[in-house]
Amino acid sequence: MKKSLVALAVLGAFGTTAFAQTSSVTLFGIVDMNVRMTDNGVDRRIDLAQDGLASSRLGVRGVEQLGGGMSASFWLEGAINPDTGTPGGQTWQRRSTASLSGGFGEIRLGRDYTPTFWNATVFDPFGTNGTGAQSNVHAPHVGIGPFVRANNSVGYFLPGNLGGLYGQAMVAAGENVSPNKYMGARVGYQAGPINVAVSFGQNYVAPFVNGDETAQTANIGASYNLGFATVMGYYGRFALGGNTRTNLLVGATAKFGPGTVRASYAAYENDDAAVNDANQIALGYIYDLSRRTALYATVSRVSNDTAASFGANSGGGIAGAAGQNYTGAEIGVRHSF
């Protein structure tokens, strides 16, 4: 149960009961821990790990109704490490934004998720967590601009009354930090059983070793709810300096009472050489004990070509090494509040 608190700081500052009726602050979070095994055929490792189903976090968000259909809000959210009790860089790095919303949509400022990230997680049965996540074999972006989040961003979101149409755009200032400069957009349509979205992003990465100043990311994702199951797919393309890296995923989820089965196949291709390619198959099960608490189990297998070094270790385990295949398995519990 989320804990909704009266915004006492606002009340103290203005001394009026009007704000008590229109303002609120909510404390929220997720604690997710599991026992995880990773094996590359040479070494085997067992960890008490985290974030197999959802990223552990602690956050606070608030909203004030301004009248006339407008509202102001903030969102501060940081990572936590429940397996050790350490803060996980508790500096609100997951999201730190202030927003103004109304009939025109939403304008959002701060550190936020990029438009190009959403398709990679929404259209993956495993999201971006655990040994089954497509991100285990996703085209790497380290050092060449933001893919998941961007700092110093200005974002715009379409209003939610456009008959299923949704979208966002973002521009992030580099502020003399080269990998952060970013611009991108995403547009989608969701109605009935169908959900489909496309996105494009451009990272400004100069100076870069090959002289290129920008890297481009484009992707498309879609899902269709069959009633007894939801099927989904994703295709992403990352290009820099004549090199193209692509990702493909097909997957599905199916509910059986309080349980959900998840399955996916993900592939990575690097056009530099076939020896850089990799793929992953994953199977998982979630059992909902309540609306807030779930047990889960996942197993995956990553197959690397001779020069690829991806591992089935999202969030921990044995690191990837060139040419080795990996098995990952985890069983855990997730609680949200």
C-alpha atoms as a PDB file:
ATOM      1  CA  MET A   1       0.000   0.000   0.000  1.00  0.00           C
ATOM      2  CA  LYS A   2       1.488   3.278  -1.068  1.00  0.00           C
ATOM      3  CA  LYS A   3       1.871   5.780   1.716  1.00  0.00           C
ATOM      4  CA  SER A   4       0.313   9.094   0.738  1.00  0.00           C
ATOM      5  CA  LEU A   5       1.424  11.937   2.983  1.00  0.00           C
ATOM      6  CA  VAL A   6       0.118  15.502   3.344  1.00  0.00           C
ATOM      7  CA  ALA A   7       2.683  17.999   2.087  1.00  0.00           C
ATOM      8  CA  LEU A   8       3.582  19.389   5.489  1.00  0.00           C
ATOM      9  CA  ALA A   9       6.433  21.470   4.168  1.00  0.00           C
ATOM     10  CA  VAL A  10       4.036  23.380   1.925  1.00  0.00           C
ATOM     11  CA  LEU A  11       1.552  23.836   4.716  1.00  0.00           C
ATOM     12  CA  GLY A  12       4.249  25.133   7.008  1.00  0.00           C
ATOM     13  CA  ALA A  13       5.454  27.608   4.454  1.00  0.00           C
ATOM     14  CA  PHE A  14       2.050  29.028   3.494  1.00  0.00           C
ATOM     15  CA  GLY A  15      -0.066  28.336   6.559  1.00  0.00           C
ATOM     16  CA  THR A  16      -3.282  27.643   4.678  1.00  0.00           C
ATOM     17  CA  THR A  17      -5.594  24.641   4.523  1.00  0.00           C
ATOM     18  CA  ALA A  18      -6.176  25.088   0.782  1.00  0.00           C
ATOM     19  CA  PHE A  19      -2.929  23.326  -0.011  1.00  0.00           C
ATOM     20  CA  ALA A  20      -3.872  20.361   2.197  1.00  0.00           C
ATOM     21  CA  GLN A  21      -6.743  19.652  -0.190  1.00  0.00           C
ATOM     22  CA  THR A  22      -4.783  19.948  -3.425  1.00  0.00           C
ATOM     23  CA  SER A  23      -1.242  18.811  -2.610  1.00  0.00           C
ATOM     24  CA  SER A  24       0.172  15.400  -1.740  1.00  0.00           C
ATOM     25  CA  VAL A  25       3.508  13.655  -1.367  1.00  0.00           C
ATOM     26  CA  THR A  26       3.929   9.871  -1.821  1.00  0.00           C
ATOM     27  CA  LEU A  27       6.733   7.680  -0.550  1.00  0.00           C
ATOM     28  CA  PHE A  28       7.214   4.581  -2.724  1.00  0.00           C
ATOM     29  CA  GLY A  29       9.714   1.863  -3.498  1.00  0.00           C
ATOM     30  CA  ILE A  30      10.558  -1.694  -4.526  1.00  0.00           C
ATOM     31  CA  VAL A  31      12.671  -4.318  -2.759  1.00  0.00           C
ATOM     32  CA  ASP A  32      13.682  -7.213  -5.009  1.00  0.00           C
ATOM     33  CA  MET A  33      16.141  -9.954  -3.975  1.00  0.00           C
ATOM     34  CA  ASN A  34      17.002 -13.370  -5.330  1.00  0.00           C
ATOM     35  CA  VAL A  35      19.423 -16.263  -5.268  1.00  0.00           C
ATOM     36  CA  ARG A  36      21.212 -16.214  -8.637  1.00  0.00           C
ATOM     37  CA  MET A  37      23.462 -18.777 -10.311  1.00  0.00           C
ATOM     38  CA  THR A  38      25.652 -18.019 -13.334  1.00  0.00           C
ATOM     39  CA  ASP A  39      27.732 -20.657 -15.131  1.00  0.00           C
ATOM     40  CA  ASN A  40      30.010 -20.322 -18.171  1.00  0.00           C
ATOM     41  CA  GLY A  41      31.134 -23.952 -18.344  1.00  0.00           C
ATOM     42  CA  VAL A  42      34.390 -23.127 -16.556  1.00  0.00           C
ATOM     43  CA  ASP A  43      33.233 -21.265 -13.463  1.00  0.00           C
ATOM     44  CA  ARG A  44      30.007 -21.347 -11.518  1.00  0.00           C
ATOM     45  CA  ARG A  45      28.947 -18.642  -9.119  1.00  0.00           C
ATOM     46  CA  ILE A  46      26.033 -18.361  -6.693  1.00  0.00           C
ATOM     47  CA  ASP A  47      25.083 -14.931  -5.339  1.00  0.00           C
ATOM     48  CA  LEU A  48      22.470 -13.364  -3.164  1.00  0.00           C
ATOM     49  CA  ALA A  49      21.563 -10.810  -5.799  1.00  0.00           C
ATOM     50  CA  GLN A  50      18.829  -8.299  -6.531  1.00  0.00           C
ATOM     51  CA  ASP A  51      16.610  -6.828  -9.231  1.00  0.00           C
ATOM     52  CA  GLY A  52      15.607 -10.035 -10.981  1.00  0.00           C
ATOM     53  CA  LEU A  53      12.023  -8.880 -11.580  1.00  0.00           C
ATOM     54  CA  ALA A  54      12.194  -5.130 -10.919  1.00  0.00           C
ATOM     55  CA  SER A  55      14.872  -2.614  -9.980  1.00  0.00           C
ATOM     56  CA  SER A  56      15.066  -1.986  -6.227  1.00  0.00           C
ATOM     57  CA  ARG A  57      14.434   1.675  -5.504  1.00  0.00           C
ATOM     58  CA  LEU A  58      13.291   4.294  -3.026  1.00  0.00           C
ATOM     59  CA  GLY A  59      11.537   7.433  -4.138  1.00  0.00           C
ATOM     60  CA  VAL A  60       9.287  10.320  -3.269  1.00  0.00           C
ATOM     61  CA  ARG A  61       6.918  12.107  -5.611  1.00  0.00           C
ATOM     62  CA  GLY A  62       4.390  14.875  -5.200  1.00  0.00           C
ATOM     63  CA  VAL A  63       1.716  16.771  -7.086  1.00  0.00           C
ATOM     64  CA  GLU A  64      -0.131  20.038  -6.567  1.00  0.00           C
ATOM     65  CA  GLN A  65      -3.379  20.814  -8.378  1.00  0.00           C
ATOM     66  CA  LEU A  66      -3.165  24.377  -9.658  1.00  0.00           C
ATOM     67  CA  GLY A  67      -6.719  24.668 -10.961  1.00  0.00           C
ATOM     68  CA  GLY A  68      -7.998  24.911 -14.485  1.00  0.00           C
ATOM     69  CA  GLY A  69      -6.833  21.371 -15.204  1.00  0.00           C
ATOM     70  CA  MET A  70      -3.181  22.210 -14.536  1.00  0.00           C
ATOM     71  CA  SER A  71      -0.838  20.614 -12.005  1.00  0.00           C
ATOM     72  CA  ALA A  72       2.779  20.854 -10.888  1.00  0.00           C
ATOM     73  CA  SER A  73       4.723  17.808  -9.750  1.00  0.00           C
ATOM     74  CA  PHE A  74       8.135  16.444  -8.822  1.00  0.00           C
ATOM     75  CA  TRP A  75       9.691  12.967  -8.844  1.00  0.00           C
ATOM     76  CA  LEU A  76      12.866  11.957  -6.997  1.00  0.00           C
ATOM     77  CA  GLU A  77      13.912   8.288  -7.254  1.00  0.00           C
ATOM     78  CA  GLY A  78      17.177   6.516  -6.442  1.00  0.00           C
ATOM     79  CA  ALA A  79      18.541   2.980  -6.492  1.00  0.00           C
ATOM     80  CA  ILE A  80      19.084   0.870  -3.371  1.00  0.00           C
ATOM     81  CA  ASN A  81      21.037  -2.332  -2.732  1.00  0.00           C
ATOM     82  CA  PRO A  82      18.840  -4.415  -0.404  1.00  0.00           C
ATOM     83  CA  ASP A  83      21.243  -7.371  -0.414  1.00  0.00           C
ATOM     84  CA  THR A  84      23.886  -5.311   1.424  1.00  0.00           C
ATOM     85  CA  GLY A  85      21.879  -2.416   2.823  1.00  0.00           C
ATOM     86  CA  THR A  86      24.026   0.132   0.998  1.00  0.00           C
ATOM     87  CA  PRO A  87      22.366   3.061  -0.799  1.00  0.00           C
ATOM     88  CA  GLY A  88      23.294   2.053  -4.353  1.00  0.00           C
ATOM     89  CA  GLY A  89      24.286   5.613  -5.174  1.00  0.00           C
ATOM     90  CA  GLN A  90      21.243   7.136  -3.499  1.00  0.00           C
ATOM     91  CA  THR A  91      21.510  10.421  -5.355  1.00  0.00           C
ATOM     92  CA  TRP A  92      18.110  10.286  -7.124  1.00  0.00           C
ATOM     93  CA  GLN A  93      19.924   9.071 -10.242  1.00  0.00           C
ATOM     94  CA  ARG A  94      17.033   6.892 -11.434  1.00  0.00           C
ATOM     95  CA  ARG A  95      14.857   9.947 -11.967  1.00  0.00           C
ATOM     96  CA  SER A  96      14.951  13.541 -10.786  1.00  0.00           C
ATOM     97  CA  THR A  97      12.338  15.735 -12.465  1.00  0.00           C
ATOM     98  CA  ALA A  98       9.943  18.663 -12.069  1.00  0.00           C
ATOM     99  CA  SER A  99       6.864  18.872 -14.300  1.00  0.00           C
ATOM    100  CA  LEU A 100       4.015  21.120 -15.357  1.00  0.00           C
ATOM    101  CA  SER A 101       0.961  19.319 -16.783  1.00  0.00           C
ATOM    102  CA  GLY A 102      -2.353  20.282 -18.311  1.00  0.00           C
ATOM    103  CA  GLY A 103      -4.528  19.882 -21.379  1.00  0.00           C
ATOM    104  CA  PHE A 104      -1.471  20.635 -23.472  1.00  0.00           C
ATOM    105  CA  GLY A 105       0.383  17.574 -22.161  1.00  0.00           C
ATOM    106  CA  GLU A 106       3.388  17.599 -19.836  1.00  0.00           C
ATOM    107  CA  ILE A 107       6.644  19.527 -19.815  1.00  0.00           C
ATOM    108  CA  ARG A 108       9.282  17.729 -17.738  1.00  0.00           C
ATOM    109  CA  LEU A 109      12.741  18.933 -16.692  1.00  0.00           C
ATOM    110  CA  GLY A 110      15.686  17.071 -15.153  1.00  0.00           C
ATOM    111  CA  ARG A 111      17.182  13.578 -15.322  1.00  0.00           C
ATOM    112  CA  ASP A 112      14.757  11.226 -17.029  1.00  0.00           C
ATOM    113  CA  TYR A 113      14.387   8.158 -19.253  1.00  0.00           C
ATOM    114  CA  THR A 114      15.136   8.714 -22.927  1.00  0.00           C
ATOM    115  CA  PRO A 115      12.473   8.097 -25.605  1.00  0.00           C
ATOM    116  CA  THR A 116      14.677   5.446 -27.244  1.00  0.00           C
ATOM    117  CA  PHE A 117      14.867   3.407 -24.028  1.00  0.00           C
ATOM    118  CA  TRP A 118      11.159   2.709 -23.619  1.00  0.00           C
ATOM    119  CA  ASN A 119      10.645   0.309 -26.529  1.00  0.00           C
ATOM    120  CA  ALA A 120      13.553  -1.849 -25.351  1.00  0.00           C
ATOM    121  CA  THR A 121      11.892  -2.443 -21.966  1.00  0.00           C
ATOM    122  CA  VAL A 122       8.128  -2.206 -22.664  1.00  0.00           C
ATOM    123  CA  PHE A 123       8.239  -4.809 -25.454  1.00  0.00           C
ATOM    124  CA  ASP A 124      10.427  -7.309 -23.596  1.00  0.00           C
ATOM    125  CA  PRO A 125       8.619  -9.888 -21.396  1.00  0.00           C
ATOM    126  CA  PHE A 126      11.498  -9.514 -18.893  1.00  0.00           C
ATOM    127  CA  GLY A 127      11.791  -5.734 -19.085  1.00  0.00           C
ATOM    128  CA  THR A 128      15.411  -4.816 -18.425  1.00  0.00           C
ATOM    129  CA  ASN A 129      15.860  -6.926 -15.294  1.00  0.00           C
ATOM    130  CA  GLY A 130      17.344 -10.271 -14.422  1.00  0.00           C
ATOM    131  CA  THR A 131      18.899 -13.172 -16.257  1.00  0.00           C
ATOM    132  CA  GLY A 132      16.192 -13.157 -18.928  1.00  0.00           C
ATOM    133  CA  ALA A 133      16.398  -9.510 -19.983  1.00  0.00           C
ATOM    134  CA  GLN A 134      17.166  -8.641 -23.594  1.00  0.00           C
ATOM    135  CA  SER A 135      19.607  -6.051 -22.193  1.00  0.00           C
ATOM    136  CA  ASN A 136      22.003  -8.942 -21.483  1.00  0.00           C
ATOM    137  CA  VAL A 137      22.753  -9.031 -25.223  1.00  0.00           C
ATOM    138  CA  HIS A 138      21.789  -5.485 -26.189  1.00  0.00           C
ATOM    139  CA  ALA A 139      23.984  -3.283 -28.381  1.00  0.00           C
ATOM    140  CA  PRO A 140      26.415  -1.583 -25.965  1.00  0.00           C
ATOM    141  CA  HIS A 141      26.234   2.188 -25.549  1.00  0.00           C
ATOM    142  CA  VAL A 142      28.846   2.658 -22.814  1.00  0.00           C
ATOM    143  CA  GLY A 143      30.833   5.845 -23.358  1.00  0.00           C
ATOM    144  CA  ILE A 144      28.873   6.878 -26.457  1.00  0.00           C
ATOM    145  CA  GLY A 145      25.918   8.705 -25.006  1.00  0.00           C
ATOM    146  CA  PRO A 146      22.843   8.029 -22.892  1.00  0.00           C
ATOM    147  CA  PHE A 147      20.523   5.179 -23.782  1.00  0.00           C
ATOM    148  CA  VAL A 148      18.507   4.606 -20.599  1.00  0.00           C
ATOM    149  CA  ARG A 149      18.566   8.075 -19.004  1.00  0.00           C
ATOM    150  CA  ALA A 150      19.830  11.543 -19.836  1.00  0.00           C
ATOM    151  CA  ASN A 151      20.840  14.403 -17.557  1.00  0.00           C
ATOM    152  CA  ASN A 152      19.928  18.065 -18.039  1.00  0.00           C
ATOM    153  CA  SER A 153      16.917  17.201 -20.195  1.00  0.00           C
ATOM    154  CA  VAL A 154      13.807  19.062 -21.345  1.00  0.00           C
ATOM    155  CA  GLY A 155      11.002  16.687 -22.264  1.00  0.00           C
ATOM    156  CA  TYR A 156       7.500  17.003 -23.669  1.00  0.00           C
ATOM    157  CA  PHE A 157       4.743  14.354 -23.433  1.00  0.00           C
ATOM    158  CA  LEU A 158       1.513  14.341 -25.439  1.00  0.00           C
ATOM    159  CA  PRO A 159      -1.743  14.531 -23.444  1.00  0.00           C
ATOM    160  CA  GLY A 160      -3.503  11.274 -22.702  1.00  0.00           C
ATOM    161  CA  ASN A 161      -6.773  12.040 -24.516  1.00  0.00           C
ATOM    162  CA  LEU A 162      -5.708  11.542 -28.139  1.00  0.00           C
ATOM    163  CA  GLY A 163      -7.580   8.313 -28.846  1.00  0.00           C
ATOM    164  CA  GLY A 164      -4.692   5.945 -28.155  1.00  0.00           C
ATOM    165  CA  LEU A 165      -1.921   8.111 -29.604  1.00  0.00           C
ATOM    166  CA  TYR A 166       0.998   8.762 -27.240  1.00  0.00           C
ATOM    167  CA  GLY A 167       4.463  10.203 -27.570  1.00  0.00           C
ATOM    168  CA  GLN A 168       7.330  12.191 -26.149  1.00  0.00           C
ATOM    169  CA  ALA A 169      10.302  14.261 -27.244  1.00  0.00           C
ATOM    170  CA  MET A 170      13.520  15.089 -25.386  1.00  0.00           C
ATOM    171  CA  VAL A 171      16.526  17.352 -25.739  1.00  0.00           C
ATOM    172  CA  ALA A 172      19.392  16.992 -23.237  1.00  0.00           C
ATOM    173  CA  ALA A 173      22.193  19.530 -22.939  1.00  0.00           C
ATOM    174  CA  GLY A 174      25.764  18.266 -22.984  1.00  0.00           C
ATOM    175  CA  GLU A 175      27.035  21.019 -20.681  1.00  0.00           C
ATOM    176  CA  ASN A 176      30.604  20.143 -21.718  1.00  0.00           C
ATOM    177  CA  VAL A 177      30.077  16.474 -20.760  1.00  0.00           C
ATOM    178  CA  SER A 178      30.343  14.874 -24.209  1.00  0.00           C
ATOM    179  CA  PRO A 179      28.418  11.590 -23.812  1.00  0.00           C
ATOM    180  CA  ASN A 180      25.324  13.281 -22.331  1.00  0.00           C
ATOM    181  CA  LYS A 181      24.170  15.465 -25.241  1.00  0.00           C
ATOM    182  CA  TYR A 182      21.070  13.846 -26.712  1.00  0.00           C
ATOM    183  CA  MET A 183      17.905  14.452 -28.694  1.00  0.00           C
ATOM    184  CA  GLY A 184      15.161  11.969 -29.477  1.00  0.00           C
ATOM    185  CA  ALA A 185      11.452  11.267 -29.843  1.00  0.00           C
ATOM    186  CA  ARG A 186       8.986   8.409 -29.557  1.00  0.00           C
ATOM    187  CA  VAL A 187       5.444   8.044 -30.885  1.00  0.00           C
ATOM    188  CA  GLY A 188       3.050   5.152 -30.395  1.00  0.00           C
ATOM    189  CA  TYR A 189      -0.518   3.944 -30.582  1.00  0.00           C
ATOM    190  CA  GLN A 190      -2.295   1.775 -28.012  1.00  0.00           C
ATOM    191  CA  ALA A 191      -5.929   0.765 -28.334  1.00  0.00           C
ATOM    192  CA  GLY A 192      -7.667  -2.500 -27.575  1.00  0.00           C
ATOM    193  CA  PRO A 193      -5.190  -5.387 -27.896  1.00  0.00           C
ATOM    194  CA  ILE A 194      -2.633  -3.434 -29.975  1.00  0.00           C
ATOM    195  CA  ASN A 195       0.358  -1.433 -28.789  1.00  0.00           C
ATOM    196  CA  VAL A 196       3.043  -0.261 -31.232  1.00  0.00           C
ATOM    197  CA  ALA A 197       5.697   2.456 -30.958  1.00  0.00           C
ATOM    198  CA  VAL A 198       8.716   3.750 -32.873  1.00  0.00           C
ATOM    199  CA  SER A 199      11.550   5.933 -31.613  1.00  0.00           C
ATOM    200  CA  PHE A 200      14.668   7.675 -32.804  1.00  0.00           C
ATOM    201  CA  GLY A 201      17.563   9.189 -30.868  1.00  0.00           C
ATOM    202  CA  GLN A 202      20.834  10.916 -31.623  1.00  0.00           C
ATOM    203  CA  ASN A 203      23.797  11.090 -29.249  1.00  0.00           C
ATOM    204  CA  TYR A 204      26.478  13.717 -29.727  1.00  0.00           C
ATOM    205  CA  VAL A 205      29.719  11.985 -28.820  1.00  0.00           C
ATOM    206  CA  ALA A 206      32.494  14.185 -30.280  1.00  0.00           C
ATOM    207  CA  PRO A 207      35.374  14.028 -29.930  1.00  0.00           C
ATOM    208  CA  PHE A 208      35.410  10.315 -30.848  1.00  0.00           C
ATOM    209  CA  VAL A 209      38.254   8.121 -32.019  1.00  0.00           C
ATOM    210  CA  ASN A 210      36.887   7.697 -35.534  1.00  0.00           C
ATOM    211  CA  GLY A 211      36.016  11.366 -35.988  1.00  0.00           C
ATOM    212  CA  ASP A 212      32.240  10.874 -35.950  1.00  0.00           C
ATOM    213  CA  GLU A 213      30.276  13.382 -33.923  1.00  0.00           C
ATOM    214  CA  THR A 214      26.972  11.554 -33.605  1.00  0.00           C
ATOM    215  CA  ALA A 215      25.547   8.085 -33.031  1.00  0.00           C
ATOM    216  CA  GLN A 216      22.001   7.173 -34.065  1.00  0.00           C
ATOM    217  CA  THR A 217      19.590   4.793 -32.390  1.00  0.00           C
ATOM    218  CA  ALA A 218      16.249   3.762 -33.889  1.00  0.00           C
ATOM    219  CA  ASN A 219      13.850   1.046 -32.768  1.00  0.00           C
ATOM    220  CA  ILE A 220      10.321  -0.247 -33.096  1.00  0.00           C
ATOM    221  CA  GLY A 221       8.317  -2.409 -30.732  1.00  0.00           C
ATOM    222  CA  ALA A 222       4.855  -3.940 -30.795  1.00  0.00           C
ATOM    223  CA  SER A 223       2.603  -6.207 -28.756  1.00  0.00           C
ATOM    224  CA  TYR A 224      -0.773  -7.871 -29.284  1.00  0.00           C
ATOM    225  CA  ASN A 225      -3.010  -9.204 -26.519  1.00  0.00           C
ATOM    226  CA  LEU A 226      -4.638 -12.470 -27.576  1.00  0.00           C
ATOM    227  CA  GLY A 227      -6.629 -12.728 -24.349  1.00  0.00           C
ATOM    228  CA  PHE A 228      -4.885 -15.807 -22.987  1.00  0.00           C
ATOM    229  CA  ALA A 229      -1.431 -14.442 -23.893  1.00  0.00           C
ATOM    230  CA  THR A 230       0.389 -11.357 -25.139  1.00  0.00           C
ATOM    231  CA  VAL A 231       2.936 -11.658 -27.932  1.00  0.00           C
ATOM    232  CA  MET A 232       5.535  -8.969 -28.541  1.00  0.00           C
ATOM    233  CA  GLY A 233       8.503  -8.076 -30.675  1.00  0.00           C
ATOM    234  CA  TYR A 234      11.305  -5.521 -30.853  1.00  0.00           C
ATOM    235  CA  TYR A 235      13.862  -4.433 -33.432  1.00  0.00           C
ATOM    236  CA  GLY A 236      16.598  -1.899 -32.677  1.00  0.00           C
ATOM    237  CA  ARG A 237      19.442  -0.439 -34.710  1.00  0.00           C
ATOM    238  CA  PHE A 238      22.485   1.466 -33.436  1.00  0.00           C
ATOM    239  CA  ALA A 239      24.896   3.106 -35.901  1.00  0.00           C
ATOM    240  CA  LEU A 240      28.221   4.852 -35.401  1.00  0.00           C
ATOM    241  CA  GLY A 241      31.073   5.462 -37.826  1.00  0.00           C
ATOM    242  CA  GLY A 242      29.916   3.007 -40.464  1.00  0.00           C
ATOM    243  CA  ASN A 243      29.348   0.246 -37.901  1.00  0.00           C
ATOM    244  CA  THR A 244      25.794  -0.984 -37.343  1.00  0.00           C
ATOM    245  CA  ARG A 245      24.613  -3.103 -34.429  1.00  0.00           C
ATOM    246  CA  THR A 246      21.117  -4.565 -34.350  1.00  0.00           C
ATOM    247  CA  ASN A 247      18.912  -6.285 -31.793  1.00  0.00           C
ATOM    248  CA  LEU A 248      15.896  -8.482 -32.394  1.00  0.00           C
ATOM    249  CA  LEU A 249      13.494  -9.928 -29.834  1.00  0.00           C
ATOM    250  CA  VAL A 250      10.372 -12.063 -30.018  1.00  0.00           C
ATOM    251  CA  GLY A 251       8.584 -12.995 -26.811  1.00  0.00           C
ATOM    252  CA  ALA A 252       5.333 -13.699 -25.040  1.00  0.00           C
ATOM    253  CA  THR A 253       3.629 -13.702 -21.664  1.00  0.00           C
ATOM    254  CA  ALA A 254       0.695 -15.889 -20.625  1.00  0.00           C
ATOM    255  CA  LYS A 255      -1.362 -15.731 -17.427  1.00  0.00           C
ATOM    256  CA  PHE A 256      -2.616 -18.794 -15.582  1.00  0.00           C
ATOM    257  CA  GLY A 257      -4.565 -17.676 -12.530  1.00  0.00           C
ATOM    258  CA  PRO A 258      -2.145 -15.866 -10.198  1.00  0.00           C
ATOM    259  CA  GLY A 259       0.840 -16.992 -12.283  1.00  0.00           C
ATOM    260  CA  THR A 260       2.480 -15.576 -15.419  1.00  0.00           C
ATOM    261  CA  VAL A 261       4.801 -17.449 -17.778  1.00  0.00           C
ATOM    262  CA  ARG A 262       7.371 -15.394 -19.712  1.00  0.00           C
ATOM    263  CA  ALA A 263       9.503 -16.474 -22.662  1.00  0.00           C
ATOM    264  CA  SER A 264      11.741 -14.725 -25.190  1.00  0.00           C
ATOM    265  CA  TYR A 265      14.408 -15.121 -27.848  1.00  0.00           C
ATOM    266  CA  ALA A 266      16.832 -12.219 -28.332  1.00  0.00           C
ATOM    267  CA  ALA A 267      19.612 -11.822 -30.897  1.00  0.00           C
ATOM    268  CA  TYR A 268      22.466  -9.342 -31.332  1.00  0.00           C
ATOM    269  CA  GLU A 269      24.346  -8.763 -34.582  1.00  0.00           C
ATOM    270  CA  ASN A 270      27.414  -6.599 -35.184  1.00  0.00           C
ATOM    271  CA  ASP A 271      28.146  -5.968 -38.857  1.00  0.00           C
ATOM    272  CA  ASP A 272      31.899  -5.665 -38.189  1.00  0.00           C
ATOM    273  CA  ALA A 273      32.104  -9.460 -38.199  1.00  0.00           C
ATOM    274  CA  ALA A 274      29.876 -12.459 -37.552  1.00  0.00           C
ATOM    275  CA  VAL A 275      32.197 -13.519 -34.721  1.00  0.00           C
ATOM    276  CA  ASN A 276      30.747 -10.630 -32.630  1.00  0.00           C
ATOM    277  CA  ASP A 277      27.165 -11.959 -32.658  1.00  0.00           C
ATOM    278  CA  ALA A 278      25.210 -13.469 -29.753  1.00  0.00           C
ATOM    279  CA  ASN A 279      21.732 -14.710 -28.853  1.00  0.00           C
ATOM    280  CA  GLN A 280      19.747 -15.556 -25.736  1.00  0.00           C
ATOM    281  CA  ILE A 281      16.751 -17.729 -24.887  1.00  0.00           C
ATOM    282  CA  ALA A 282      14.908 -17.165 -21.611  1.00  0.00           C
ATOM    283  CA  LEU A 283      12.019 -18.680 -19.686  1.00  0.00           C
ATOM    284  CA  GLY A 284      10.481 -17.369 -16.487  1.00  0.00           C
ATOM    285  CA  TYR A 285       7.533 -17.666 -14.106  1.00  0.00           C
ATOM    286  CA  ILE A 286       5.932 -15.139 -11.745  1.00  0.00           C
ATOM    287  CA  TYR A 287       3.518 -16.099  -8.964  1.00  0.00           C
ATOM    288  CA  ASP A 288       1.590 -13.195  -7.443  1.00  0.00           C
ATOM    289  CA  LEU A 289       1.071 -13.656  -3.718  1.00  0.00           C
ATOM    290  CA  SER A 290      -0.752 -10.309  -3.637  1.00  0.00           C
ATOM    291  CA  ARG A 291      -0.974  -7.108  -5.638  1.00  0.00           C
ATOM    292  CA  ARG A 292       2.346  -5.984  -4.151  1.00  0.00           C
ATOM    293  CA  THR A 293       4.298  -9.192  -3.566  1.00  0.00           C
ATOM    294  CA  ALA A 294       5.431 -11.823  -6.054  1.00  0.00           C
ATOM    295  CA  LEU A 295       7.715 -14.843  -6.235  1.00  0.00           C
ATOM    296  CA  TYR A 296       9.613 -15.435  -9.475  1.00  0.00           C
ATOM    297  CA  ALA A 297      12.033 -17.793 -11.191  1.00  0.00           C
ATOM    298  CA  THR A 298      13.990 -17.309 -14.426  1.00  0.00           C
ATOM    299  CA  VAL A 299      16.483 -19.316 -16.446  1.00  0.00           C
ATOM    300  CA  SER A 300      18.380 -18.180 -19.552  1.00  0.00           C
ATOM    301  CA  ARG A 301      21.106 -19.289 -21.942  1.00  0.00           C
ATOM    302  CA  VAL A 302      23.428 -16.883 -23.782  1.00  0.00           C
ATOM    303  CA  SER A 303      25.354 -18.187 -26.789  1.00  0.00           C
ATOM    304  CA  ASN A 304      28.367 -16.093 -27.879  1.00  0.00           C
ATOM    305  CA  ASP A 305      30.314 -16.248 -31.108  1.00  0.00           C
ATOM    306  CA  THR A 306      34.085 -16.377 -30.791  1.00  0.00           C
ATOM    307  CA  ALA A 307      34.583 -12.634 -30.189  1.00  0.00           C
ATOM    308  CA  ALA A 308      31.344 -11.846 -28.335  1.00  0.00           C
ATOM    309  CA  SER A 309      31.410 -11.611 -24.535  1.00  0.00           C
ATOM    310  CA  PHE A 310      27.836 -11.179 -23.331  1.00  0.00           C
ATOM    311  CA  GLY A 311      26.799 -12.829 -20.061  1.00  0.00           C
ATOM    312  CA  ALA A 312      23.510 -13.904 -18.485  1.00  0.00           C
ATOM    313  CA  ASN A 313      24.309 -11.703 -15.537  1.00  0.00           C
ATOM    314  CA  SER A 314      22.213  -8.555 -15.583  1.00  0.00           C
ATOM    315  CA  GLY A 315      22.959  -7.068 -12.185  1.00  0.00           C
ATOM    316  CA  GLY A 316      25.669  -9.520 -11.109  1.00  0.00           C
ATOM    317  CA  GLY A 317      27.265 -12.947 -11.528  1.00  0.00           C
ATOM    318  CA  ILE A 318      30.183 -14.047 -13.697  1.00  0.00           C
ATOM    319  CA  ALA A 319      31.295 -11.387 -16.163  1.00  0.00           C
ATOM    320  CA  GLY A 320      31.204 -12.117 -19.870  1.00  0.00           C
ATOM    321  CA  ALA A 321      34.286 -13.489 -21.674  1.00  0.00           C
ATOM    322  CA  ALA A 322      34.835 -13.844 -25.408  1.00  0.00           C
ATOM    323  CA  GLY A 323      33.502 -17.017 -26.974  1.00  0.00           C
ATOM    324  CA  GLN A 324      32.017 -18.532 -23.816  1.00  0.00           C
ATOM    325  CA  ASN A 325      28.368 -19.507 -23.442  1.00  0.00           C
ATOM    326  CA  TYR A 326      26.486 -18.675 -20.264  1.00  0.00           C
ATOM    327  CA  THR A 327      23.629 -20.080 -18.243  1.00  0.00           C
ATOM    328  CA  GLY A 328      21.837 -17.950 -15.692  1.00  0.00           C
ATOM    329  CA  ALA A 329      19.144 -18.925 -13.193  1.00  0.00           C
ATOM    330  CA  GLU A 330      17.509 -17.086 -10.325  1.00  0.00           C
ATOM    331  CA  ILE A 331      14.669 -17.445  -7.851  1.00  0.00           C
ATOM    332  CA  GLY A 332      13.496 -14.507  -5.811  1.00  0.00           C
ATOM    333  CA  VAL A 333      10.857 -12.272  -4.280  1.00  0.00           C
ATOM    334  CA  ARG A 334       9.739  -8.765  -5.147  1.00  0.00           C
ATOM    335  CA  HIS A 335       7.773  -6.445  -2.864  1.00  0.00           C
ATOM    336  CA  SER A 336       6.535  -2.993  -3.842  1.00  0.00           C
ATOM    337  CA  PHE A 337       5.134  -0.307  -1.574  1.00  0.00           C
END
